[in-house]
Amino acid sequence: CAFLLVLVLLHDGVRSLQLGLRVADKKSEFLLSAQKRNILKRYASSTADEVLDEGSNRIKGRLGTLYKFTRPHTIRGTLLASFAGVAKALSDCGVSFAEIFTGDLFISAICGVIALLCSNAFIVGINQIFDVQVDKINKPFLPIAAGELSTTTAWLLLGMCATTGLTLCYHFFSPLIFGLYLLGTSIGTIYSVPPFELKKRGPLYAGLSIAICRGFLLNFGVYYAVLEAIGVPFQWNPGVVFMARFMTVFAAVIAVTKDLPDVDGDKKYGFETFATKLGAPRVAGYACLALALNYVSAILEGAFSPYGSFNKFQMIFGHAFLANQLAQSWNQFSRRVSFSENEISSQQNTSNAVKTLYKQIWDLAYLEYFLYIFI
């Protein structure tokens, strides 16, 4: 991250130096635009503190651009999945969490998290490059669509993320973990990149790609990598099986609901999603129903599983609490929109309502990772 920031600042510094040289050369004075001359006059009359403050604001602006480019809600999900998987694996093996801060284990943990974040940034970043025209309608706040980040700079950042992530994973982990990492990154790439573009091949392909990456590969991969790092042979246990299954369904729900706010742009550019075919309110209802059944299955699994498979209290009542939160989110959503296509008022309210529901579903995913540690 520091290296990327230095590159961005150097890029700005070179541009500023070029501007300064042009000012120093009187022969090229008339080549300066009126806007640049106004900037120079303002800098000439500014105090040192004002110049430093503006430089600080520019740095903050660049960092904000990078922050938006990585899609923070997905970064939070990756971080929580990593921390929860590490904590669960250490707990299952009777290893104190404090031991991770010692020796090679700490280095492996840090490198693993960085590699996952690099893969996450690469996948969401390459999607923004190839979806820039759609994003100008659906997500105009994203840095490439908003013109805050050039495509050239974005490719440079993605090249660094891909190189860093693959190098760390190859050097610090086994061939199996590297293979899983490469598989997940590849699936995330062909989701957006021609000629594959799974997102254009229908909602089933798009949903499966996200469910596999964020559901199975992420949760199984982190758990397996931790056991490998501490020298414990891998064994399937009820907690890992449950989390891989549960979060695969959850990721499929996220894959469906992420398209709910994007109906206008997807229709214009011919992207077929469940939301464009059935309408956002109905798809939201089906997605919440699927997630509710997922919670019911977790409660039943906790209630009827053999003794010792789970901490029954946390498994049952924790998922009952999350199911109740989902019900409240659905009630709020259903009051704000109408399911009748003939009501104009529903069209006006749907956009904000589906964005709120989508955020609340992500919040439930974050809480699930927290609960995972204790079940």
Protein backbone atom coordinates (compact mmCIF):
# COMPACT_ATOMS: atom_id res chain seq x y z
CA CYS A 1 0.00 0.00 0.00
CA ALA A 2 2.83 2.37 0.85
CA PHE A 3 4.51 1.55 -2.46
CA LEU A 4 1.30 2.29 -4.37
CA LEU A 5 0.90 5.57 -2.54
CA VAL A 6 4.47 6.57 -3.35
CA LEU A 7 3.84 5.87 -7.04
CA VAL A 8 0.72 8.00 -7.04
CA LEU A 9 2.52 10.83 -5.26
CA LEU A 10 5.48 10.58 -7.64
CA HIS A 11 3.08 10.74 -10.53
CA ASP A 12 1.60 13.93 -9.11
CA GLY A 13 5.06 15.28 -8.35
CA VAL A 14 6.21 14.78 -11.94
CA ARG A 15 3.15 16.58 -13.22
CA SER A 16 3.77 19.45 -10.80
CA LEU A 17 7.43 19.65 -11.84
CA GLN A 18 6.49 19.77 -15.50
CA LEU A 19 4.09 22.59 -14.77
CA GLY A 20 6.78 24.46 -12.88
CA LEU A 21 9.26 24.15 -15.76
CA ARG A 22 6.71 25.50 -18.17
CA VAL A 23 6.14 28.49 -15.92
CA ALA A 24 9.87 29.16 -15.66
CA ASP A 25 10.18 29.23 -19.42
CA LYS A 26 8.83 32.61 -20.47
CA LYS A 27 8.61 31.51 -24.06
CA SER A 28 5.94 28.93 -23.15
CA GLU A 29 3.99 31.24 -20.89
CA PHE A 30 1.24 31.73 -23.42
CA LEU A 31 0.75 27.99 -23.72
CA LEU A 32 -0.62 27.85 -20.17
CA SER A 33 -4.37 27.74 -19.91
CA ALA A 34 -6.24 30.34 -17.91
CA GLN A 35 -7.02 27.73 -15.32
CA LYS A 36 -3.36 26.86 -14.74
CA ARG A 37 -2.40 30.54 -14.49
CA ASN A 38 -5.06 31.00 -11.81
CA ILE A 39 -3.64 28.02 -9.91
CA LEU A 40 -0.13 29.47 -10.07
CA LYS A 41 -1.31 32.89 -8.87
CA ARG A 42 -3.10 31.26 -5.97
CA TYR A 43 0.00 29.27 -5.01
CA ALA A 44 2.17 32.39 -5.26
CA SER A 45 -0.07 34.24 -2.80
CA SER A 46 -0.53 31.28 -0.46
CA THR A 47 1.31 30.79 2.77
CA ALA A 48 3.40 27.69 3.39
CA ASP A 49 0.72 26.30 5.71
CA GLU A 50 -1.94 26.66 3.03
CA VAL A 51 0.21 24.85 0.51
CA LEU A 52 0.86 22.02 2.99
CA ASP A 53 -2.85 21.80 3.79
CA GLU A 54 -3.73 21.51 0.12
CA GLY A 55 -1.08 18.84 -0.35
CA SER A 56 -2.55 16.92 2.57
CA ASN A 57 -6.02 17.18 1.05
CA ARG A 58 -4.71 15.86 -2.26
CA ILE A 59 -3.15 12.87 -0.49
CA LYS A 60 -6.43 12.21 1.30
CA GLY A 61 -8.22 12.45 -2.03
CA ARG A 62 -5.88 9.89 -3.59
CA LEU A 63 -6.29 7.54 -0.65
CA GLY A 64 -10.05 7.95 -0.87
CA THR A 65 -9.91 7.02 -4.55
CA LEU A 66 -7.90 3.87 -3.80
CA TYR A 67 -10.29 3.06 -0.96
CA LYS A 68 -13.32 3.21 -3.26
CA PHE A 69 -11.49 1.28 -5.97
CA THR A 70 -11.09 -1.73 -3.65
CA ARG A 71 -14.87 -1.82 -2.87
CA PRO A 72 -14.62 -1.60 0.95
CA HIS A 73 -17.62 -3.80 1.74
CA THR A 74 -15.95 -6.73 -0.03
CA ILE A 75 -12.65 -6.02 1.74
CA ARG A 76 -14.43 -6.14 5.10
CA GLY A 77 -15.96 -9.48 4.17
CA THR A 78 -12.58 -10.92 3.18
CA LEU A 79 -10.92 -9.67 6.37
CA LEU A 80 -13.66 -11.03 8.61
CA ALA A 81 -13.60 -14.39 6.81
CA SER A 82 -9.84 -14.53 7.30
CA PHE A 83 -9.89 -13.64 10.99
CA ALA A 84 -12.84 -15.93 11.73
CA GLY A 85 -11.24 -18.84 9.86
CA VAL A 86 -7.95 -18.38 11.70
CA ALA A 87 -9.64 -18.12 15.09
CA LYS A 88 -11.82 -21.16 14.42
CA ALA A 89 -8.91 -23.32 13.25
CA LEU A 90 -6.74 -22.36 16.23
CA SER A 91 -9.63 -23.00 18.63
CA ASP A 92 -10.34 -26.42 17.13
CA CYS A 93 -6.67 -27.37 17.55
CA GLY A 94 -6.38 -26.03 21.08
CA VAL A 95 -3.86 -23.37 20.05
CA SER A 96 -3.95 -20.00 21.76
CA PHE A 97 -4.68 -17.07 19.45
CA ALA A 98 -1.72 -15.26 21.01
CA GLU A 99 0.64 -17.88 19.57
CA ILE A 100 -0.03 -16.58 16.09
CA PHE A 101 2.08 -13.52 16.90
CA THR A 102 5.21 -15.59 17.30
CA GLY A 103 7.79 -16.56 14.68
CA ASP A 104 6.99 -17.80 11.21
CA LEU A 105 3.30 -18.28 11.97
CA PHE A 106 2.79 -14.53 12.25
CA ILE A 107 4.61 -13.89 8.97
CA SER A 108 2.51 -16.53 7.21
CA ALA A 109 -0.69 -15.05 8.63
CA ILE A 110 0.17 -11.52 7.50
CA CYS A 111 1.24 -12.70 4.04
CA GLY A 112 -1.92 -14.76 3.71
CA VAL A 113 -4.17 -11.81 4.54
CA ILE A 114 -2.26 -9.54 2.14
CA ALA A 115 -2.56 -12.15 -0.62
CA LEU A 116 -6.32 -12.43 -0.08
CA LEU A 117 -6.74 -8.66 -0.11
CA CYS A 118 -4.70 -8.44 -3.32
CA SER A 119 -6.93 -11.04 -4.97
CA ASN A 120 -10.03 -9.23 -3.73
CA ALA A 121 -8.78 -5.89 -5.08
CA PHE A 122 -7.79 -7.47 -8.41
CA ILE A 123 -11.21 -9.07 -8.94
CA VAL A 124 -13.28 -5.99 -8.10
CA GLY A 125 -10.83 -3.71 -9.91
CA ILE A 126 -10.85 -5.61 -13.20
CA ASN A 127 -14.64 -5.63 -13.03
CA GLN A 128 -14.61 -1.83 -12.85
CA ILE A 129 -12.33 -1.57 -15.89
CA PHE A 130 -14.54 -3.72 -18.11
CA ASP A 131 -17.82 -2.40 -16.68
CA VAL A 132 -16.96 1.30 -16.80
CA GLN A 133 -19.79 2.22 -19.18
CA VAL A 134 -22.36 0.33 -17.11
CA ASP A 135 -20.96 1.79 -13.90
CA LYS A 136 -21.51 5.31 -15.23
CA ILE A 137 -25.21 4.51 -14.91
CA ASN A 138 -25.33 2.04 -12.02
CA LYS A 139 -22.40 3.15 -9.84
CA PRO A 140 -21.21 6.60 -10.95
CA PHE A 141 -19.39 7.07 -7.65
CA LEU A 142 -16.75 4.44 -8.50
CA PRO A 143 -13.38 6.07 -9.29
CA ILE A 144 -12.97 4.93 -12.92
CA ALA A 145 -16.56 5.74 -13.84
CA ALA A 146 -16.26 9.09 -12.05
CA GLY A 147 -13.01 9.96 -13.84
CA GLU A 148 -11.01 10.03 -10.60
CA LEU A 149 -8.77 7.13 -11.66
CA SER A 150 -7.47 6.54 -15.17
CA THR A 151 -7.66 3.12 -16.79
CA THR A 152 -3.85 3.11 -17.13
CA THR A 153 -3.35 3.69 -13.42
CA ALA A 154 -5.98 1.06 -12.63
CA TRP A 155 -4.15 -1.52 -14.75
CA LEU A 156 -0.91 -0.63 -12.98
CA LEU A 157 -2.53 -1.18 -9.59
CA LEU A 158 -4.06 -4.47 -10.69
CA GLY A 159 -0.74 -5.70 -12.03
CA MET A 160 0.85 -5.01 -8.65
CA CYS A 161 -1.99 -6.74 -6.81
CA ALA A 162 -1.80 -9.84 -9.01
CA THR A 163 1.98 -10.07 -8.78
CA THR A 164 2.07 -9.50 -5.02
CA GLY A 165 -0.73 -11.93 -4.22
CA LEU A 166 0.53 -14.78 -6.40
CA THR A 167 4.12 -14.35 -5.21
CA LEU A 168 3.18 -14.39 -1.52
CA CYS A 169 0.87 -17.36 -1.89
CA TYR A 170 3.41 -19.34 -3.92
CA HIS A 171 6.26 -18.62 -1.50
CA PHE A 172 4.54 -19.12 1.87
CA PHE A 173 1.93 -21.82 1.22
CA SER A 174 1.62 -25.32 -0.20
CA PRO A 175 0.83 -26.14 -3.85
CA LEU A 176 -2.75 -26.97 -2.84
CA ILE A 177 -3.36 -23.54 -1.28
CA PHE A 178 -1.67 -21.86 -4.23
CA GLY A 179 -3.88 -23.83 -6.60
CA LEU A 180 -7.04 -22.82 -4.71
CA TYR A 181 -5.88 -19.19 -4.68
CA LEU A 182 -5.18 -19.27 -8.42
CA LEU A 183 -8.55 -20.93 -9.08
CA GLY A 184 -10.48 -18.33 -7.09
CA THR A 185 -8.65 -15.42 -8.73
CA SER A 186 -9.18 -16.94 -12.18
CA ILE A 187 -12.92 -17.42 -11.61
CA GLY A 188 -13.19 -13.83 -10.41
CA THR A 189 -11.32 -12.69 -13.51
CA ILE A 190 -13.37 -14.55 -16.12
CA TYR A 191 -16.48 -13.18 -14.43
CA SER A 192 -15.65 -9.84 -16.09
CA VAL A 193 -13.09 -10.41 -18.86
CA PRO A 194 -13.97 -11.25 -22.49
CA PRO A 195 -14.46 -13.66 -24.09
CA PHE A 196 -15.76 -15.48 -21.01
CA GLU A 197 -17.71 -12.71 -19.22
CA LEU A 198 -19.71 -15.01 -16.98
CA LYS A 199 -21.82 -12.06 -15.88
CA LYS A 200 -23.20 -11.86 -19.44
CA ARG A 201 -23.99 -15.55 -19.69
CA GLY A 202 -26.94 -15.37 -17.36
CA PRO A 203 -27.50 -15.07 -13.61
CA LEU A 204 -26.76 -18.75 -12.96
CA TYR A 205 -23.14 -18.57 -14.13
CA ALA A 206 -22.58 -15.23 -12.41
CA GLY A 207 -24.09 -16.47 -9.13
CA LEU A 208 -22.11 -19.70 -9.14
CA SER A 209 -18.81 -17.91 -9.71
CA ILE A 210 -19.34 -15.62 -6.71
CA ALA A 211 -20.73 -18.43 -4.53
CA ILE A 212 -17.74 -20.68 -5.24
CA CYS A 213 -15.15 -17.97 -4.57
CA ARG A 214 -16.64 -16.23 -1.55
CA GLY A 215 -18.46 -19.25 -0.20
CA PHE A 216 -16.43 -22.44 -0.47
CA LEU A 217 -12.90 -21.49 -1.57
CA LEU A 218 -12.44 -18.61 0.89
CA ASN A 219 -13.69 -20.42 3.98
CA PHE A 220 -12.17 -23.82 3.26
CA GLY A 221 -8.90 -22.31 2.03
CA VAL A 222 -8.30 -20.17 5.12
CA TYR A 223 -9.06 -23.03 7.50
CA TYR A 224 -6.83 -25.48 5.63
CA ALA A 225 -3.98 -22.95 5.39
CA VAL A 226 -4.01 -22.38 9.16
CA LEU A 227 -3.87 -26.10 9.93
CA GLU A 228 -1.04 -26.49 7.45
CA ALA A 229 0.88 -23.61 9.04
CA ILE A 230 0.69 -25.09 12.53
CA GLY A 231 1.48 -28.61 11.30
CA VAL A 232 -1.88 -30.25 11.99
CA PRO A 233 -3.29 -32.70 9.41
CA PHE A 234 -6.55 -31.52 7.88
CA GLN A 235 -9.74 -33.24 8.95
CA TRP A 236 -13.26 -32.29 8.05
CA ASN A 237 -15.25 -31.26 11.10
CA PRO A 238 -18.87 -30.17 11.46
CA GLY A 239 -17.98 -26.49 11.88
CA VAL A 240 -15.97 -26.26 8.66
CA VAL A 241 -18.52 -28.26 6.67
CA PHE A 242 -21.33 -26.10 8.00
CA MET A 243 -19.56 -22.80 7.28
CA ALA A 244 -18.52 -23.81 3.77
CA ARG A 245 -22.07 -24.89 2.97
CA PHE A 246 -23.82 -22.01 4.74
CA MET A 247 -21.64 -19.24 3.27
CA THR A 248 -21.86 -20.73 -0.24
CA VAL A 249 -25.64 -20.26 -0.07
CA PHE A 250 -25.13 -16.84 1.52
CA ALA A 251 -22.71 -15.80 -1.23
CA ALA A 252 -25.25 -16.92 -3.84
CA VAL A 253 -27.82 -14.63 -2.20
CA ILE A 254 -25.31 -11.77 -2.28
CA ALA A 255 -24.62 -12.51 -5.95
CA VAL A 256 -28.33 -12.14 -6.72
CA THR A 257 -29.02 -9.09 -4.57
CA LYS A 258 -25.98 -7.16 -5.79
CA ASP A 259 -27.81 -6.73 -9.11
CA LEU A 260 -30.92 -5.23 -7.54
CA PRO A 261 -29.77 -1.57 -7.70
CA ASP A 262 -28.30 -2.03 -11.20
CA VAL A 263 -31.41 -2.73 -13.25
CA ASP A 264 -31.25 0.41 -15.42
CA GLY A 265 -27.66 -0.04 -16.57
CA ASP A 266 -27.96 -3.81 -16.96
CA LYS A 267 -31.02 -3.43 -19.19
CA LYS A 268 -29.34 -0.80 -21.34
CA TYR A 269 -26.24 -2.92 -21.98
CA GLY A 270 -28.01 -6.26 -22.27
CA PHE A 271 -26.90 -7.91 -19.01
CA GLU A 272 -29.48 -10.53 -18.10
CA THR A 273 -30.02 -10.84 -14.35
CA PHE A 274 -32.86 -12.08 -12.21
CA ALA A 275 -33.62 -8.45 -11.35
CA THR A 276 -33.97 -7.41 -15.01
CA LYS A 277 -36.21 -10.41 -15.73
CA LEU A 278 -38.43 -10.49 -12.65
CA GLY A 279 -38.08 -7.03 -11.13
CA ALA A 280 -36.05 -5.97 -8.10
CA PRO A 281 -38.82 -6.30 -5.44
CA ARG A 282 -39.68 -9.90 -6.37
CA VAL A 283 -36.05 -10.98 -6.58
CA ALA A 284 -35.42 -9.37 -3.19
CA GLY A 285 -38.27 -11.43 -1.79
CA TYR A 286 -36.92 -14.70 -3.21
CA ALA A 287 -33.42 -13.87 -1.98
CA CYS A 288 -34.64 -13.18 1.55
CA LEU A 289 -36.66 -16.39 1.49
CA ALA A 290 -33.57 -18.38 0.47
CA LEU A 291 -31.56 -16.74 3.23
CA ALA A 292 -34.32 -17.40 5.77
CA LEU A 293 -34.33 -21.10 4.82
CA ASN A 294 -30.56 -21.07 5.21
CA TYR A 295 -31.00 -19.82 8.78
CA VAL A 296 -33.70 -22.42 9.47
CA SER A 297 -31.35 -25.16 8.27
CA ALA A 298 -28.64 -23.85 10.62
CA ILE A 299 -31.03 -23.87 13.57
CA LEU A 300 -32.19 -27.42 12.78
CA GLU A 301 -28.62 -28.60 12.28
CA GLY A 302 -27.69 -27.18 15.66
CA ALA A 303 -30.71 -28.77 17.34
CA PHE A 304 -30.42 -32.27 15.90
CA SER A 305 -26.68 -32.71 15.38
CA PRO A 306 -24.83 -35.23 17.58
CA TYR A 307 -23.62 -34.00 20.93
CA GLY A 308 -20.28 -32.20 20.67
CA SER A 309 -20.64 -31.24 17.01
CA PHE A 310 -21.55 -27.63 17.84
CA ASN A 311 -22.07 -25.33 20.76
CA LYS A 312 -25.82 -25.76 20.58
CA PHE A 313 -26.81 -22.57 22.37
CA GLN A 314 -24.76 -20.32 20.09
CA MET A 315 -25.71 -22.32 17.00
CA ILE A 316 -29.45 -22.22 17.64
CA PHE A 317 -30.04 -18.87 19.29
CA GLY A 318 -27.35 -17.05 17.35
CA HIS A 319 -28.94 -17.98 14.02
CA ALA A 320 -32.41 -17.34 15.40
CA PHE A 321 -31.29 -13.81 16.27
CA LEU A 322 -29.84 -13.27 12.78
CA ALA A 323 -33.01 -14.67 11.20
CA ASN A 324 -35.01 -12.16 13.22
CA GLN A 325 -32.77 -9.35 11.94
CA LEU A 326 -33.42 -10.53 8.39
CA ALA A 327 -37.17 -10.51 9.04
CA GLN A 328 -36.97 -6.93 10.28
CA SER A 329 -34.99 -5.90 7.20
CA TRP A 330 -37.57 -7.53 4.96
CA ASN A 331 -40.44 -5.80 6.76
CA GLN A 332 -38.75 -2.43 6.29
CA PHE A 333 -38.17 -3.18 2.62
CA SER A 334 -41.70 -4.41 1.92
CA ARG A 335 -43.21 -1.28 3.48
CA ARG A 336 -41.14 0.99 1.23
CA VAL A 337 -41.89 -0.65 -2.13
CA SER A 338 -44.89 -2.09 -3.91
CA PHE A 339 -44.82 -5.36 -5.83
CA SER A 340 -47.27 -4.03 -8.38
CA GLU A 341 -45.58 -3.03 -11.62
CA ASN A 342 -48.37 -0.53 -12.31
CA GLU A 343 -47.60 1.70 -9.34
CA ILE A 344 -45.28 4.56 -10.21
CA SER A 345 -44.55 5.29 -6.56
CA SER A 346 -42.91 1.87 -6.18
CA GLN A 347 -40.41 2.74 -8.93
CA GLN A 348 -39.40 5.87 -7.08
CA ASN A 349 -38.82 4.08 -3.78
CA THR A 350 -37.27 0.87 -5.03
CA SER A 351 -33.75 2.18 -5.68
CA ASN A 352 -33.07 3.39 -2.12
CA ALA A 353 -34.90 0.43 -0.60
CA VAL A 354 -32.88 -2.22 -2.45
CA LYS A 355 -29.60 -0.47 -1.64
CA THR A 356 -30.52 -0.50 2.04
CA LEU A 357 -31.54 -4.17 1.90
CA TYR A 358 -28.32 -5.11 0.11
CA LYS A 359 -26.26 -3.36 2.80
CA GLN A 360 -28.21 -5.13 5.54
CA ILE A 361 -27.57 -8.53 3.91
CA TRP A 362 -23.84 -7.78 3.92
CA ASP A 363 -24.13 -6.81 7.60
CA LEU A 364 -25.67 -10.20 8.31
CA ALA A 365 -22.74 -11.85 6.54
CA TYR A 366 -20.31 -9.95 8.77
CA LEU A 367 -22.23 -11.09 11.87
CA GLU A 368 -22.18 -14.69 10.65
CA TYR A 369 -18.39 -14.68 10.59
CA PHE A 370 -18.38 -13.39 14.15
CA LEU A 371 -20.79 -16.15 15.20
CA TYR A 372 -18.70 -18.78 13.39
CA ILE A 373 -15.92 -18.43 15.98
CA PHE A 374 -18.25 -19.51 18.79
CA ILE A 375 -20.29 -22.32 17.25
